[in-house]
Amino acid sequence: MSETNSQHPAGLLSLVRKLAVTGMAALQNRGELFLVELQEEKTRLIELFLWTAIVAGLAMMFLALFTATLILLFPSGMRIYAALGFCALYFLGALLALLNLRALWRSGPPAFRDTIAEAKKDGEWLDS
């Protein structure tokens, strides 16, 4: 009887130790997943910003030269009206581009999707 009592606390202590090690490993795994997803989101945002800046810069250069060429083709008295027409056209184009950029921003994968999914699975596992 005394042997059973002396082995029981050691078994319980071993079980608690194994549970703590498993819990720490799970936390480390979730932390690493979070860091990987954070890096992916950072890279995605930098790439999105870079391509947006490149497109905007090249489009502005093209539009400036094209507009100047077309305005110079109009007779002298009509050039101001042509310039105003291009201003209205470019304003509408900028508005549509802004709406498109906003849609592109929202269409990306949700941030930290895998980390959130793993946290939900952990919560379900703990509840059961």
Protein backbone atom coordinates (compact mmCIF):
# COMPACT_ATOMS: atom_id res chain seq x y z
CA MET A 1 0.00 0.00 0.00
CA SER A 2 2.83 2.38 0.80
CA GLU A 3 4.39 1.62 -2.61
CA THR A 4 1.20 2.72 -4.41
CA ASN A 5 1.09 6.01 -2.50
CA SER A 6 4.75 6.75 -3.18
CA GLN A 7 4.38 6.07 -6.94
CA HIS A 8 1.15 8.05 -7.36
CA PRO A 9 2.57 11.54 -6.67
CA ALA A 10 5.50 10.87 -9.00
CA GLY A 11 3.09 9.80 -11.76
CA LEU A 12 0.92 12.88 -11.20
CA LEU A 13 3.97 15.12 -11.23
CA SER A 14 5.16 13.49 -14.45
CA LEU A 15 1.73 13.99 -16.01
CA VAL A 16 1.66 17.67 -15.03
CA ARG A 17 5.18 18.10 -16.40
CA LYS A 18 4.23 16.47 -19.71
CA LEU A 19 1.11 18.63 -19.92
CA ALA A 20 3.17 21.78 -19.30
CA VAL A 21 5.73 20.77 -21.93
CA THR A 22 2.95 20.06 -24.43
CA GLY A 23 1.30 23.40 -23.66
CA MET A 24 4.55 25.30 -24.08
CA ALA A 25 5.23 23.52 -27.37
CA ALA A 26 1.75 24.46 -28.61
CA LEU A 27 2.31 28.10 -27.59
CA GLN A 28 5.66 28.14 -29.34
CA ASN A 29 4.10 26.64 -32.46
CA ARG A 30 1.33 29.25 -32.47
CA GLY A 31 3.84 32.03 -31.91
CA GLU A 32 5.97 30.90 -34.84
CA LEU A 33 2.88 30.69 -37.06
CA PHE A 34 1.91 34.22 -36.03
CA LEU A 35 5.38 35.54 -36.90
CA VAL A 36 5.37 33.84 -40.30
CA GLU A 37 1.96 35.31 -41.13
CA LEU A 38 3.07 38.72 -39.88
CA GLN A 39 6.05 38.61 -42.24
CA GLU A 40 3.81 37.51 -45.14
CA GLU A 41 1.40 40.40 -44.51
CA LYS A 42 4.29 42.86 -44.30
CA THR A 43 5.71 41.61 -47.60
CA ARG A 44 2.28 41.73 -49.25
CA LEU A 45 1.66 45.31 -48.12
CA ILE A 46 5.08 46.49 -49.28
CA GLU A 47 4.57 44.83 -52.66
CA LEU A 48 1.10 46.34 -53.00
CA PHE A 49 2.40 49.80 -52.17
CA LEU A 50 5.37 49.49 -54.54
CA TRP A 51 3.27 48.40 -57.51
CA THR A 52 0.73 51.12 -56.77
CA ALA A 53 3.47 53.76 -56.78
CA ILE A 54 4.97 52.43 -60.02
CA VAL A 55 1.63 52.36 -61.80
CA ALA A 56 0.69 55.80 -60.55
CA GLY A 57 4.01 57.34 -61.60
CA LEU A 58 4.03 55.85 -65.08
CA ALA A 59 0.38 56.62 -65.66
CA MET A 60 0.88 60.25 -64.66
CA MET A 61 3.83 60.63 -67.03
CA PHE A 62 1.87 59.12 -69.90
CA LEU A 63 -1.23 61.19 -69.23
CA ALA A 64 0.72 64.44 -68.96
CA LEU A 65 2.45 63.94 -72.30
CA PHE A 66 -0.65 62.63 -74.05
CA THR A 67 -2.79 65.46 -72.72
CA ALA A 68 -0.28 68.12 -73.75
CA THR A 69 -0.12 66.64 -77.25
CA LEU A 70 -3.90 66.58 -77.64
CA ILE A 71 -4.39 70.07 -76.23
CA LEU A 72 -1.80 71.45 -78.65
CA LEU A 73 -3.75 69.90 -81.54
CA PHE A 74 -6.81 72.05 -80.71
CA PRO A 75 -7.13 75.60 -82.10
CA SER A 76 -5.90 78.36 -79.76
CA GLY A 77 -9.37 79.47 -78.63
CA MET A 78 -10.50 75.93 -77.80
CA ARG A 79 -7.47 74.79 -75.82
CA ILE A 80 -8.86 75.94 -72.47
CA TYR A 81 -12.01 73.88 -73.00
CA ALA A 82 -9.96 70.86 -73.98
CA ALA A 83 -7.87 71.26 -70.83
CA LEU A 84 -11.01 71.49 -68.66
CA GLY A 85 -12.41 68.40 -70.34
CA PHE A 86 -9.24 66.48 -69.55
CA CYS A 87 -9.37 67.69 -65.94
CA ALA A 88 -12.89 66.28 -65.57
CA LEU A 89 -11.88 63.04 -67.26
CA TYR A 90 -8.85 62.59 -65.02
CA PHE A 91 -10.84 63.33 -61.91
CA LEU A 92 -13.32 60.58 -62.79
CA GLY A 93 -10.44 58.24 -63.60
CA ALA A 94 -8.77 58.94 -60.27
CA LEU A 95 -12.03 58.27 -58.46
CA LEU A 96 -12.47 54.92 -60.22
CA ALA A 97 -8.84 54.00 -59.54
CA LEU A 98 -9.29 54.79 -55.86
CA LEU A 99 -12.36 52.56 -55.69
CA ASN A 100 -10.45 49.78 -57.47
CA LEU A 101 -7.49 50.10 -55.09
CA ARG A 102 -9.84 49.92 -52.12
CA ALA A 103 -11.44 46.75 -53.53
CA LEU A 104 -7.98 45.24 -54.10
CA TRP A 105 -7.02 46.04 -50.51
CA ARG A 106 -10.11 44.26 -49.21
CA SER A 107 -9.84 41.25 -51.54
CA GLY A 108 -6.58 40.00 -50.01
CA PRO A 109 -6.65 37.08 -47.60
CA PRO A 110 -7.66 38.00 -44.07
CA ALA A 111 -4.72 38.83 -41.90
CA PHE A 112 -3.50 35.98 -39.70
CA ARG A 113 -6.09 33.56 -41.09
CA ASP A 114 -4.13 30.44 -40.10
CA THR A 115 -3.30 31.74 -36.62
CA ILE A 116 -6.95 32.51 -35.93
CA ALA A 117 -8.01 29.09 -37.26
CA GLU A 118 -5.49 27.33 -35.00
CA ALA A 119 -6.62 29.36 -31.99
CA LYS A 120 -10.23 28.37 -32.68
CA LYS A 121 -9.26 24.71 -32.94
CA ASP A 122 -7.37 24.98 -29.65
CA GLY A 123 -10.41 26.53 -28.00
CA GLU A 124 -12.68 23.77 -29.31
CA TRP A 125 -10.24 21.13 -28.12
CA LEU A 126 -10.05 22.67 -24.65
CA ASP A 127 -13.86 22.88 -24.43
CA SER A 128 -14.33 19.19 -25.26
